[in-house]
Amino acid sequence: MLLLGPPGIGKTHFARKLAELLGTGMNLVPMSSMTAGWLLSGASSQWKGAKPGKVFEALVDGQYANPVIVVDEIDKASADAQYDPLGALYNLLEHDTAGAFMDEFAEVAIDASQ
């Protein structure tokens, strides 16, 4: 679901309330402070300080298997092509590829399509 509108009209508040009504829990991913795609999709375990991404953590470590994940302020994501945080979203936003989402750290395919 894409919520589009001017700042301050309650898009994030609406998403929080929707998750509350659905009873699935919510994870907020603030894109305005996202510096690299690996924060969403995990960093290879071969890198020092590597860890799973926010999507994997929400799906595996959360209380619910189908949480609402709010990608907040996507228009403010960093434009640095080398660490493009939007690149990690391409597979997640396509239903077929999201069904076998692979976190680079965990190296386990998980169904993020639901």
PDB file of N, CA and C in Angstrom:
ATOM      1  N   MET A   1       0.848  -1.156   0.000  1.00  0.00           N
ATOM      2  CA  MET A   1       0.000   0.000   0.000  1.00  0.00           C
ATOM      3  C   MET A   1       0.903   1.230   0.000  1.00  0.00           C
ATOM      4  N   LEU A   2       0.612   2.176  -0.848  1.00  0.00           N
ATOM      5  CA  LEU A   2       1.364   3.427  -0.911  1.00  0.00           C
ATOM      6  C   LEU A   2       0.498   4.536  -0.353  1.00  0.00           C
ATOM      7  N   LEU A   3       1.010   5.206   0.669  1.00  0.00           N
ATOM      8  CA  LEU A   3       0.319   6.360   1.237  1.00  0.00           C
ATOM      9  C   LEU A   3       1.060   7.598   0.769  1.00  0.00           C
ATOM     10  N   LEU A   4       0.391   8.433   0.023  1.00  0.00           N
ATOM     11  CA  LEU A   4       1.004   9.608  -0.575  1.00  0.00           C
ATOM     12  C   LEU A   4       0.238  10.848  -0.141  1.00  0.00           C
ATOM     13  N   GLY A   5       0.982  11.871   0.268  1.00  0.00           N
ATOM     14  CA  GLY A   5       0.340  13.112   0.670  1.00  0.00           C
ATOM     15  C   GLY A   5       1.352  14.060   1.273  1.00  0.00           C
ATOM     16  N   PRO A   6       0.935  15.285   1.543  1.00  0.00           N
ATOM     17  CA  PRO A   6       1.848  16.272   2.109  1.00  0.00           C
ATOM     18  C   PRO A   6       2.280  15.889   3.529  1.00  0.00           C
ATOM     19  N   PRO A   7       3.398  16.467   3.996  1.00  0.00           N
ATOM     20  CA  PRO A   7       3.881  16.174   5.347  1.00  0.00           C
ATOM     21  C   PRO A   7       2.848  16.556   6.413  1.00  0.00           C
ATOM     22  N   GLY A   8       2.795  15.747   7.449  1.00  0.00           N
ATOM     23  CA  GLY A   8       1.985  16.090   8.608  1.00  0.00           C
ATOM     24  C   GLY A   8       0.511  15.744   8.543  1.00  0.00           C
ATOM     25  N   ILE A   9       0.074  14.989   7.541  1.00  0.00           N
ATOM     26  CA  ILE A   9      -1.359  14.675   7.467  1.00  0.00           C
ATOM     27  C   ILE A   9      -1.710  13.349   8.146  1.00  0.00           C
ATOM     28  N   GLY A  10      -0.697  12.626   8.630  1.00  0.00           N
ATOM     29  CA  GLY A  10      -0.966  11.418   9.401  1.00  0.00           C
ATOM     30  C   GLY A  10      -0.775  10.100   8.681  1.00  0.00           C
ATOM     31  N   LYS A  11       0.082  10.067   7.676  1.00  0.00           N
ATOM     32  CA  LYS A  11       0.310   8.819   6.932  1.00  0.00           C
ATOM     33  C   LYS A  11       0.914   7.746   7.838  1.00  0.00           C
ATOM     34  N   THR A  12       1.931   8.106   8.588  1.00  0.00           N
ATOM     35  CA  THR A  12       2.577   7.142   9.483  1.00  0.00           C
ATOM     36  C   THR A  12       1.629   6.753  10.612  1.00  0.00           C
ATOM     37  N   HIS A  13       0.894   7.705  11.127  1.00  0.00           N
ATOM     38  CA  HIS A  13      -0.094   7.425  12.175  1.00  0.00           C
ATOM     39  C   HIS A  13      -1.140   6.432  11.665  1.00  0.00           C
ATOM     40  N   PHE A  14      -1.598   6.641  10.426  1.00  0.00           N
ATOM     41  CA  PHE A  14      -2.563   5.724   9.819  1.00  0.00           C
ATOM     42  C   PHE A  14      -1.979   4.314   9.740  1.00  0.00           C
ATOM     43  N   ALA A  15      -0.727   4.202   9.312  1.00  0.00           N
ATOM     44  CA  ALA A  15      -0.088   2.885   9.195  1.00  0.00           C
ATOM     45  C   ALA A  15       0.019   2.213  10.559  1.00  0.00           C
ATOM     46  N   ARG A  16       0.352   2.983  11.593  1.00  0.00           N
ATOM     47  CA  ARG A  16       0.417   2.426  12.955  1.00  0.00           C
ATOM     48  C   ARG A  16      -0.951   1.905  13.399  1.00  0.00           C
ATOM     49  N   LYS A  17      -1.972   2.696  13.156  1.00  0.00           N
ATOM     50  CA  LYS A  17      -3.328   2.300  13.553  1.00  0.00           C
ATOM     51  C   LYS A  17      -3.802   1.079  12.759  1.00  0.00           C
ATOM     52  N   LEU A  18      -3.459   1.025  11.484  1.00  0.00           N
ATOM     53  CA  LEU A  18      -3.817  -0.125  10.663  1.00  0.00           C
ATOM     54  C   LEU A  18      -3.186  -1.397  11.224  1.00  0.00           C
ATOM     55  N   ALA A  19      -1.903  -1.324  11.554  1.00  0.00           N
ATOM     56  CA  ALA A  19      -1.217  -2.482  12.133  1.00  0.00           C
ATOM     57  C   ALA A  19      -1.854  -2.873  13.462  1.00  0.00           C
ATOM     58  N   GLU A  20      -2.239  -1.877  14.237  1.00  0.00           N
ATOM     59  CA  GLU A  20      -2.894  -2.141  15.520  1.00  0.00           C
ATOM     60  C   GLU A  20      -4.229  -2.859  15.307  1.00  0.00           C
ATOM     61  N   LEU A  21      -5.011  -2.381  14.354  1.00  0.00           N
ATOM     62  CA  LEU A  21      -6.309  -3.001  14.066  1.00  0.00           C
ATOM     63  C   LEU A  21      -6.160  -4.410  13.492  1.00  0.00           C
ATOM     64  N   LEU A  22      -5.136  -4.606  12.669  1.00  0.00           N
ATOM     65  CA  LEU A  22      -4.883  -5.931  12.104  1.00  0.00           C
ATOM     66  C   LEU A  22      -4.319  -6.889  13.141  1.00  0.00           C
ATOM     67  N   GLY A  23      -3.709  -6.331  14.189  1.00  0.00           N
ATOM     68  CA  GLY A  23      -3.125  -7.150  15.240  1.00  0.00           C
ATOM     69  C   GLY A  23      -1.870  -7.879  14.816  1.00  0.00           C
ATOM     70  N   THR A  24      -1.129  -7.313  13.868  1.00  0.00           N
ATOM     71  CA  THR A  24       0.047  -8.008  13.345  1.00  0.00           C
ATOM     72  C   THR A  24       1.372  -7.407  13.785  1.00  0.00           C
ATOM     73  N   GLY A  25       1.351  -6.331  14.522  1.00  0.00           N
ATOM     74  CA  GLY A  25       2.593  -5.663  14.879  1.00  0.00           C
ATOM     75  C   GLY A  25       3.081  -4.801  13.733  1.00  0.00           C
ATOM     76  N   MET A  26       3.984  -3.883  14.037  1.00  0.00           N
ATOM     77  CA  MET A  26       4.492  -2.969  13.019  1.00  0.00           C
ATOM     78  C   MET A  26       5.972  -2.703  13.234  1.00  0.00           C
ATOM     79  N   ASN A  27       6.691  -2.610  12.143  1.00  0.00           N
ATOM     80  CA  ASN A  27       8.098  -2.234  12.169  1.00  0.00           C
ATOM     81  C   ASN A  27       8.257  -1.010  11.288  1.00  0.00           C
ATOM     82  N   LEU A  28       8.875   0.025  11.829  1.00  0.00           N
ATOM     83  CA  LEU A  28       9.078   1.267  11.094  1.00  0.00           C
ATOM     84  C   LEU A  28      10.503   1.310  10.561  1.00  0.00           C
ATOM     85  N   VAL A  29      10.638   1.550   9.263  1.00  0.00           N
ATOM     86  CA  VAL A  29      11.943   1.684   8.622  1.00  0.00           C
ATOM     87  C   VAL A  29      12.030   3.113   8.092  1.00  0.00           C
ATOM     88  N   PRO A  30      12.708   4.004   8.828  1.00  0.00           N
ATOM     89  CA  PRO A  30      12.808   5.403   8.389  1.00  0.00           C
ATOM     90  C   PRO A  30      13.852   5.565   7.282  1.00  0.00           C
ATOM     91  N   MET A  31      13.397   5.730   6.059  1.00  0.00           N
ATOM     92  CA  MET A  31      14.311   5.823   4.922  1.00  0.00           C
ATOM     93  C   MET A  31      15.130   7.111   4.926  1.00  0.00           C
ATOM     94  N   SER A  32      14.674   8.135   5.613  1.00  0.00           N
ATOM     95  CA  SER A  32      15.419   9.392   5.634  1.00  0.00           C
ATOM     96  C   SER A  32      16.771   9.230   6.319  1.00  0.00           C
ATOM     97  N   SER A  33      16.907   8.241   7.193  1.00  0.00           N
ATOM     98  CA  SER A  33      18.184   8.009   7.868  1.00  0.00           C
ATOM     99  C   SER A  33      18.866   6.724   7.401  1.00  0.00           C
ATOM    100  N   MET A  34      18.302   6.055   6.410  1.00  0.00           N
ATOM    101  CA  MET A  34      18.874   4.816   5.876  1.00  0.00           C
ATOM    102  C   MET A  34      20.070   5.160   4.992  1.00  0.00           C
ATOM    103  N   THR A  35      21.216   4.592   5.306  1.00  0.00           N
ATOM    104  CA  THR A  35      22.434   4.933   4.574  1.00  0.00           C
ATOM    105  C   THR A  35      22.862   3.882   3.560  1.00  0.00           C
ATOM    106  N   ALA A  36      22.347   2.665   3.683  1.00  0.00           N
ATOM    107  CA  ALA A  36      22.770   1.604   2.761  1.00  0.00           C
ATOM    108  C   ALA A  36      21.707   0.518   2.678  1.00  0.00           C
ATOM    109  N   GLY A  37      21.659  -0.150   1.539  1.00  0.00           N
ATOM    110  CA  GLY A  37      20.685  -1.202   1.317  1.00  0.00           C
ATOM    111  C   GLY A  37      20.846  -2.394   2.239  1.00  0.00           C
ATOM    112  N   TRP A  38      22.068  -2.642   2.708  1.00  0.00           N
ATOM    113  CA  TRP A  38      22.276  -3.814   3.555  1.00  0.00           C
ATOM    114  C   TRP A  38      21.537  -3.692   4.880  1.00  0.00           C
ATOM    115  N   LEU A  39      21.175  -2.471   5.272  1.00  0.00           N
ATOM    116  CA  LEU A  39      20.400  -2.312   6.497  1.00  0.00           C
ATOM    117  C   LEU A  39      19.015  -2.945   6.359  1.00  0.00           C
ATOM    118  N   LEU A  40      18.521  -3.024   5.132  1.00  0.00           N
ATOM    119  CA  LEU A  40      17.235  -3.678   4.869  1.00  0.00           C
ATOM    120  C   LEU A  40      17.397  -5.159   4.582  1.00  0.00           C
ATOM    121  N   SER A  41      18.404  -5.506   3.788  1.00  0.00           N
ATOM    122  CA  SER A  41      18.533  -6.886   3.305  1.00  0.00           C
ATOM    123  C   SER A  41      19.682  -7.662   3.933  1.00  0.00           C
ATOM    124  N   GLY A  42      20.331  -7.101   4.946  1.00  0.00           N
ATOM    125  CA  GLY A  42      21.417  -7.795   5.625  1.00  0.00           C
ATOM    126  C   GLY A  42      22.746  -7.645   4.909  1.00  0.00           C
ATOM    127  N   ALA A  43      23.813  -7.773   5.666  1.00  0.00           N
ATOM    128  CA  ALA A  43      25.163  -7.699   5.111  1.00  0.00           C
ATOM    129  C   ALA A  43      25.796  -9.082   5.193  1.00  0.00           C
ATOM    130  N   SER A  44      26.575  -9.424   4.206  1.00  0.00           N
ATOM    131  CA  SER A  44      27.234 -10.725   4.184  1.00  0.00           C
ATOM    132  C   SER A  44      27.980 -10.955   5.491  1.00  0.00           C
ATOM    133  N   SER A  45      27.870 -12.160   6.017  1.00  0.00           N
ATOM    134  CA  SER A  45      28.516 -12.492   7.293  1.00  0.00           C
ATOM    135  C   SER A  45      30.031 -12.428   7.211  1.00  0.00           C
ATOM    136  N   GLN A  46      30.572 -12.273   6.022  1.00  0.00           N
ATOM    137  CA  GLN A  46      32.021 -12.157   5.874  1.00  0.00           C
ATOM    138  C   GLN A  46      32.523 -10.761   6.232  1.00  0.00           C
ATOM    139  N   TRP A  47      31.624  -9.794   6.346  1.00  0.00           N
ATOM    140  CA  TRP A  47      32.007  -8.434   6.712  1.00  0.00           C
ATOM    141  C   TRP A  47      32.016  -8.286   8.230  1.00  0.00           C
ATOM    142  N   LYS A  48      32.985  -7.558   8.745  1.00  0.00           N
ATOM    143  CA  LYS A  48      33.043  -7.276  10.176  1.00  0.00           C
ATOM    144  C   LYS A  48      31.826  -6.433  10.552  1.00  0.00           C
ATOM    145  N   GLY A  49      31.189  -6.782  11.625  1.00  0.00           N
ATOM    146  CA  GLY A  49      30.024  -6.044  12.091  1.00  0.00           C
ATOM    147  C   GLY A  49      28.753  -6.336  11.321  1.00  0.00           C
ATOM    148  N   ALA A  50      28.780  -7.379  10.493  1.00  0.00           N
ATOM    149  CA  ALA A  50      27.604  -7.726   9.691  1.00  0.00           C
ATOM    150  C   ALA A  50      26.474  -8.218  10.587  1.00  0.00           C
ATOM    151  N   LYS A  51      25.256  -8.008  10.123  1.00  0.00           N
ATOM    152  CA  LYS A  51      24.088  -8.487  10.852  1.00  0.00           C
ATOM    153  C   LYS A  51      22.920  -8.620   9.887  1.00  0.00           C
ATOM    154  N   PRO A  52      21.862  -9.288  10.317  1.00  0.00           N
ATOM    155  CA  PRO A  52      20.683  -9.411   9.454  1.00  0.00           C
ATOM    156  C   PRO A  52      20.049  -8.049   9.198  1.00  0.00           C
ATOM    157  N   GLY A  53      19.283  -7.965   8.132  1.00  0.00           N
ATOM    158  CA  GLY A  53      18.594  -6.728   7.804  1.00  0.00           C
ATOM    159  C   GLY A  53      17.292  -6.566   8.571  1.00  0.00           C
ATOM    160  N   LYS A  54      16.723  -5.392   8.474  1.00  0.00           N
ATOM    161  CA  LYS A  54      15.495  -5.074   9.197  1.00  0.00           C
ATOM    162  C   LYS A  54      14.310  -5.931   8.758  1.00  0.00           C
ATOM    163  N   VAL A  55      14.265  -6.305   7.502  1.00  0.00           N
ATOM    164  CA  VAL A  55      13.159  -7.139   7.021  1.00  0.00           C
ATOM    165  C   VAL A  55      13.242  -8.523   7.653  1.00  0.00           C
ATOM    166  N   PHE A  56      14.422  -9.126   7.644  1.00  0.00           N
ATOM    167  CA  PHE A  56      14.618 -10.442   8.256  1.00  0.00           C
ATOM    168  C   PHE A  56      14.280 -10.386   9.741  1.00  0.00           C
ATOM    169  N   GLU A  57      14.784  -9.360  10.424  1.00  0.00           N
ATOM    170  CA  GLU A  57      14.515  -9.231  11.857  1.00  0.00           C
ATOM    171  C   GLU A  57      13.020  -9.110  12.133  1.00  0.00           C
ATOM    172  N   ALA A  58      12.322  -8.340  11.314  1.00  0.00           N
ATOM    173  CA  ALA A  58      10.881  -8.167  11.514  1.00  0.00           C
ATOM    174  C   ALA A  58      10.129  -9.476  11.309  1.00  0.00           C
ATOM    175  N   LEU A  59      10.522 -10.249  10.300  1.00  0.00           N
ATOM    176  CA  LEU A  59       9.814 -11.486   9.984  1.00  0.00           C
ATOM    177  C   LEU A  59      10.184 -12.646  10.898  1.00  0.00           C
ATOM    178  N   VAL A  60      11.425 -12.694  11.338  1.00  0.00           N
ATOM    179  CA  VAL A  60      11.889 -13.847  12.113  1.00  0.00           C
ATOM    180  C   VAL A  60      11.916 -13.579  13.616  1.00  0.00           C
ATOM    181  N   ASP A  61      12.395 -12.420  14.008  1.00  0.00           N
ATOM    182  CA  ASP A  61      12.544 -12.124  15.430  1.00  0.00           C
ATOM    183  C   ASP A  61      11.304 -11.488  16.048  1.00  0.00           C
ATOM    184  N   GLY A  62      10.392 -11.016  15.212  1.00  0.00           N
ATOM    185  CA  GLY A  62       9.194 -10.352  15.723  1.00  0.00           C
ATOM    186  C   GLY A  62       8.197 -11.337  16.304  1.00  0.00           C
ATOM    187  N   GLN A  63       7.151 -10.796  16.892  1.00  0.00           N
ATOM    188  CA  GLN A  63       6.112 -11.631  17.498  1.00  0.00           C
ATOM    189  C   GLN A  63       5.160 -12.205  16.454  1.00  0.00           C
ATOM    190  N   TYR A  64       5.147 -11.617  15.254  1.00  0.00           N
ATOM    191  CA  TYR A  64       4.195 -12.015  14.228  1.00  0.00           C
ATOM    192  C   TYR A  64       4.929 -12.401  12.950  1.00  0.00           C
ATOM    193  N   ALA A  65       4.387 -13.369  12.233  1.00  0.00           N
ATOM    194  CA  ALA A  65       5.009 -13.811  10.981  1.00  0.00           C
ATOM    195  C   ALA A  65       4.622 -12.926   9.809  1.00  0.00           C
ATOM    196  N   ASN A  66       3.662 -12.036  10.016  1.00  0.00           N
ATOM    197  CA  ASN A  66       3.208 -11.161   8.933  1.00  0.00           C
ATOM    198  C   ASN A  66       3.052  -9.715   9.420  1.00  0.00           C
ATOM    199  N   PRO A  67       4.129  -9.111   9.906  1.00  0.00           N
ATOM    200  CA  PRO A  67       4.011  -7.753  10.428  1.00  0.00           C
ATOM    201  C   PRO A  67       3.801  -6.731   9.313  1.00  0.00           C
ATOM    202  N   VAL A  68       3.267  -5.592   9.696  1.00  0.00           N
ATOM    203  CA  VAL A  68       3.213  -4.455   8.787  1.00  0.00           C
ATOM    204  C   VAL A  68       4.583  -3.800   8.858  1.00  0.00           C
ATOM    205  N   ILE A  69       5.256  -3.693   7.723  1.00  0.00           N
ATOM    206  CA  ILE A  69       6.556  -3.026   7.674  1.00  0.00           C
ATOM    207  C   ILE A  69       6.346  -1.708   6.946  1.00  0.00           C
ATOM    208  N   VAL A  70       6.516  -0.614   7.676  1.00  0.00           N
ATOM    209  CA  VAL A  70       6.304   0.717   7.114  1.00  0.00           C
ATOM    210  C   VAL A  70       7.642   1.274   6.657  1.00  0.00           C
ATOM    211  N   VAL A  71       7.767   1.487   5.366  1.00  0.00           N
ATOM    212  CA  VAL A  71       8.956   2.119   4.787  1.00  0.00           C
ATOM    213  C   VAL A  71       8.613   3.604   4.729  1.00  0.00           C
ATOM    214  N   ASP A  72       9.042   4.328   5.757  1.00  0.00           N
ATOM    215  CA  ASP A  72       8.643   5.720   5.953  1.00  0.00           C
ATOM    216  C   ASP A  72       9.552   6.682   5.205  1.00  0.00           C
ATOM    217  N   GLU A  73       8.958   7.664   4.577  1.00  0.00           N
ATOM    218  CA  GLU A  73       9.666   8.729   3.861  1.00  0.00           C
ATOM    219  C   GLU A  73      10.609   8.176   2.793  1.00  0.00           C
ATOM    220  N   ILE A  74      10.085   7.302   1.956  1.00  0.00           N
ATOM    221  CA  ILE A  74      10.886   6.675   0.904  1.00  0.00           C
ATOM    222  C   ILE A  74      11.470   7.709  -0.053  1.00  0.00           C
ATOM    223  N   ASP A  75      10.787   8.834  -0.195  1.00  0.00           N
ATOM    224  CA  ASP A  75      11.275   9.889  -1.087  1.00  0.00           C
ATOM    225  C   ASP A  75      12.521  10.582  -0.551  1.00  0.00           C
ATOM    226  N   LYS A  76      12.851  10.357   0.721  1.00  0.00           N
ATOM    227  CA  LYS A  76      14.026  10.986   1.321  1.00  0.00           C
ATOM    228  C   LYS A  76      15.209  10.029   1.437  1.00  0.00           C
ATOM    229  N   ALA A  77      15.120   8.876   0.796  1.00  0.00           N
ATOM    230  CA  ALA A  77      16.209   7.894   0.836  1.00  0.00           C
ATOM    231  C   ALA A  77      17.449   8.461   0.158  1.00  0.00           C
ATOM    232  N   SER A  78      18.594   8.040   0.633  1.00  0.00           N
ATOM    233  CA  SER A  78      19.872   8.481   0.072  1.00  0.00           C
ATOM    234  C   SER A  78      19.946   8.169  -1.418  1.00  0.00           C
ATOM    235  N   ALA A  79      20.538   9.085  -2.167  1.00  0.00           N
ATOM    236  CA  ALA A  79      20.666   8.904  -3.621  1.00  0.00           C
ATOM    237  C   ALA A  79      22.035   8.361  -4.012  1.00  0.00           C
ATOM    238  N   ASP A  80      22.830   7.920  -3.049  1.00  0.00           N
ATOM    239  CA  ASP A  80      24.167   7.394  -3.317  1.00  0.00           C
ATOM    240  C   ASP A  80      24.050   6.043  -4.029  1.00  0.00           C
ATOM    241  N   ALA A  81      24.445   5.992  -5.278  1.00  0.00           N
ATOM    242  CA  ALA A  81      24.302   4.771  -6.081  1.00  0.00           C
ATOM    243  C   ALA A  81      25.108   3.602  -5.512  1.00  0.00           C
ATOM    244  N   GLN A  82      26.226   3.885  -4.847  1.00  0.00           N
ATOM    245  CA  GLN A  82      27.083   2.815  -4.328  1.00  0.00           C
ATOM    246  C   GLN A  82      26.406   2.046  -3.188  1.00  0.00           C
ATOM    247  N   TYR A  83      25.650   2.734  -2.354  1.00  0.00           N
ATOM    248  CA  TYR A  83      25.004   2.092  -1.205  1.00  0.00           C
ATOM    249  C   TYR A  83      23.486   2.258  -1.261  1.00  0.00           C
ATOM    250  N   ASP A  84      22.928   2.272  -2.437  1.00  0.00           N
ATOM    251  CA  ASP A  84      21.520   2.562  -2.683  1.00  0.00           C
ATOM    252  C   ASP A  84      20.582   1.763  -1.774  1.00  0.00           C
ATOM    253  N   PRO A  85      19.930   2.419  -0.809  1.00  0.00           N
ATOM    254  CA  PRO A  85      19.011   1.689   0.064  1.00  0.00           C
ATOM    255  C   PRO A  85      17.734   1.254  -0.651  1.00  0.00           C
ATOM    256  N   LEU A  86      17.425   1.873  -1.777  1.00  0.00           N
ATOM    257  CA  LEU A  86      16.220   1.485  -2.515  1.00  0.00           C
ATOM    258  C   LEU A  86      16.412   0.175  -3.268  1.00  0.00           C
ATOM    259  N   GLY A  87      17.654  -0.161  -3.604  1.00  0.00           N
ATOM    260  CA  GLY A  87      17.936  -1.390  -4.337  1.00  0.00           C
ATOM    261  C   GLY A  87      17.428  -2.625  -3.612  1.00  0.00           C
ATOM    262  N   ALA A  88      17.501  -2.610  -2.296  1.00  0.00           N
ATOM    263  CA  ALA A  88      17.040  -3.753  -1.515  1.00  0.00           C
ATOM    264  C   ALA A  88      15.529  -3.928  -1.592  1.00  0.00           C
ATOM    265  N   LEU A  89      14.820  -2.866  -1.929  1.00  0.00           N
ATOM    266  CA  LEU A  89      13.362  -2.941  -1.989  1.00  0.00           C
ATOM    267  C   LEU A  89      12.841  -3.580  -3.266  1.00  0.00           C
ATOM    268  N   TYR A  90      13.629  -3.578  -4.319  1.00  0.00           N
ATOM    269  CA  TYR A  90      13.146  -4.076  -5.609  1.00  0.00           C
ATOM    270  C   TYR A  90      12.618  -5.504  -5.512  1.00  0.00           C
ATOM    271  N   ASN A  91      13.365  -6.392  -4.896  1.00  0.00           N
ATOM    272  CA  ASN A  91      12.919  -7.782  -4.752  1.00  0.00           C
ATOM    273  C   ASN A  91      11.762  -7.910  -3.773  1.00  0.00           C
ATOM    274  N   LEU A  92      11.702  -7.021  -2.804  1.00  0.00           N
ATOM    275  CA  LEU A  92      10.639  -7.107  -1.809  1.00  0.00           C
ATOM    276  C   LEU A  92       9.296  -6.600  -2.327  1.00  0.00           C
ATOM    277  N   LEU A  93       9.328  -5.688  -3.265  1.00  0.00           N
ATOM    278  CA  LEU A  93       8.085  -5.105  -3.765  1.00  0.00           C
ATOM    279  C   LEU A  93       7.463  -5.907  -4.907  1.00  0.00           C
ATOM    280  N   GLU A  94       8.193  -6.831  -5.456  1.00  0.00           N
ATOM    281  CA  GLU A  94       7.685  -7.722  -6.506  1.00  0.00           C
ATOM    282  C   GLU A  94       7.212  -9.010  -5.825  1.00  0.00           C
ATOM    283  N   HIS A  95       5.941  -9.330  -5.937  1.00  0.00           N
ATOM    284  CA  HIS A  95       5.355 -10.457  -5.204  1.00  0.00           C
ATOM    285  C   HIS A  95       6.101 -11.768  -5.441  1.00  0.00           C
ATOM    286  N   ASP A  96       6.427 -12.073  -6.688  1.00  0.00           N
ATOM    287  CA  ASP A  96       7.089 -13.346  -6.998  1.00  0.00           C
ATOM    288  C   ASP A  96       8.468 -13.459  -6.367  1.00  0.00           C
ATOM    289  N   THR A  97       9.261 -12.402  -6.427  1.00  0.00           N
ATOM    290  CA  THR A  97      10.610 -12.465  -5.855  1.00  0.00           C
ATOM    291  C   THR A  97      10.585 -12.318  -4.336  1.00  0.00           C
ATOM    292  N   ALA A  98       9.583 -11.626  -3.802  1.00  0.00           N
ATOM    293  CA  ALA A  98       9.477 -11.490  -2.345  1.00  0.00           C
ATOM    294  C   ALA A  98       9.170 -12.833  -1.690  1.00  0.00           C
ATOM    295  N   GLY A  99       8.612 -13.748  -2.452  1.00  0.00           N
ATOM    296  CA  GLY A  99       8.302 -15.071  -1.925  1.00  0.00           C
ATOM    297  C   GLY A  99       9.526 -15.882  -1.567  1.00  0.00           C
ATOM    298  N   ALA A 100      10.680 -15.492  -2.077  1.00  0.00           N
ATOM    299  CA  ALA A 100      11.939 -16.180  -1.755  1.00  0.00           C
ATOM    300  C   ALA A 100      13.001 -15.135  -1.421  1.00  0.00           C
ATOM    301  N   PHE A 101      12.640 -14.178  -0.558  1.00  0.00           N
ATOM    302  CA  PHE A 101      13.569 -13.125  -0.155  1.00  0.00           C
ATOM    303  C   PHE A 101      14.762 -13.738   0.574  1.00  0.00           C
ATOM    304  N   MET A 102      15.954 -13.309   0.194  1.00  0.00           N
ATOM    305  CA  MET A 102      17.174 -13.844   0.790  1.00  0.00           C
ATOM    306  C   MET A 102      17.905 -12.736   1.539  1.00  0.00           C
ATOM    307  N   ASP A 103      17.992 -12.880   2.851  1.00  0.00           N
ATOM    308  CA  ASP A 103      18.783 -11.961   3.649  1.00  0.00           C
ATOM    309  C   ASP A 103      20.242 -12.371   3.482  1.00  0.00           C
ATOM    310  N   GLU A 104      21.109 -11.432   3.128  1.00  0.00           N
ATOM    311  CA  GLU A 104      22.510 -11.771   2.838  1.00  0.00           C
ATOM    312  C   GLU A 104      23.250 -12.305   4.052  1.00  0.00           C
ATOM    313  N   PHE A 105      22.869 -11.880   5.245  1.00  0.00           N
ATOM    314  CA  PHE A 105      23.541 -12.357   6.448  1.00  0.00           C
ATOM    315  C   PHE A 105      23.076 -13.768   6.800  1.00  0.00           C
ATOM    316  N   ALA A 106      21.772 -13.963   6.851  1.00  0.00           N
ATOM    317  CA  ALA A 106      21.213 -15.250   7.274  1.00  0.00           C
ATOM    318  C   ALA A 106      21.355 -16.328   6.208  1.00  0.00           C
ATOM    319  N   GLU A 107      21.391 -15.926   4.941  1.00  0.00           N
ATOM    320  CA  GLU A 107      21.490 -16.858   3.821  1.00  0.00           C
ATOM    321  C   GLU A 107      20.394 -17.923   3.866  1.00  0.00           C
ATOM    322  N   VAL A 108      19.204 -17.481   4.222  1.00  0.00           N
ATOM    323  CA  VAL A 108      18.044 -18.357   4.275  1.00  0.00           C
ATOM    324  C   VAL A 108      16.915 -17.661   3.532  1.00  0.00           C
ATOM    325  N   ALA A 109      16.284 -18.370   2.606  1.00  0.00           N
ATOM    326  CA  ALA A 109      15.159 -17.785   1.878  1.00  0.00           C
ATOM    327  C   ALA A 109      13.931 -17.764   2.782  1.00  0.00           C
ATOM    328  N   ILE A 110      13.273 -16.618   2.835  1.00  0.00           N
ATOM    329  CA  ILE A 110      12.047 -16.492   3.615  1.00  0.00           C
ATOM    330  C   ILE A 110      10.965 -15.874   2.733  1.00  0.00           C
ATOM    331  N   ASP A 111       9.735 -16.194   3.040  1.00  0.00           N
ATOM    332  CA  ASP A 111       8.614 -15.669   2.265  1.00  0.00           C
ATOM    333  C   ASP A 111       8.206 -14.315   2.832  1.00  0.00           C
ATOM    334  N   ALA A 112       8.544 -13.260   2.119  1.00  0.00           N
ATOM    335  CA  ALA A 112       8.191 -11.899   2.535  1.00  0.00           C
ATOM    336  C   ALA A 112       7.065 -11.350   1.668  1.00  0.00           C
ATOM    337  N   SER A 113       6.370 -12.236   0.974  1.00  0.00           N
ATOM    338  CA  SER A 113       5.331 -11.791   0.041  1.00  0.00           C
ATOM    339  C   SER A 113       3.980 -11.583   0.708  1.00  0.00           C
ATOM    340  N   GLN A 114       3.816 -12.071   1.894  1.00  0.00           N
ATOM    341  CA  GLN A 114       2.528 -11.959   2.568  1.00  0.00           C
ATOM    342  C   GLN A 114       2.544 -10.753   3.451  1.00  0.00           C
TER     343      GLN A 114
END
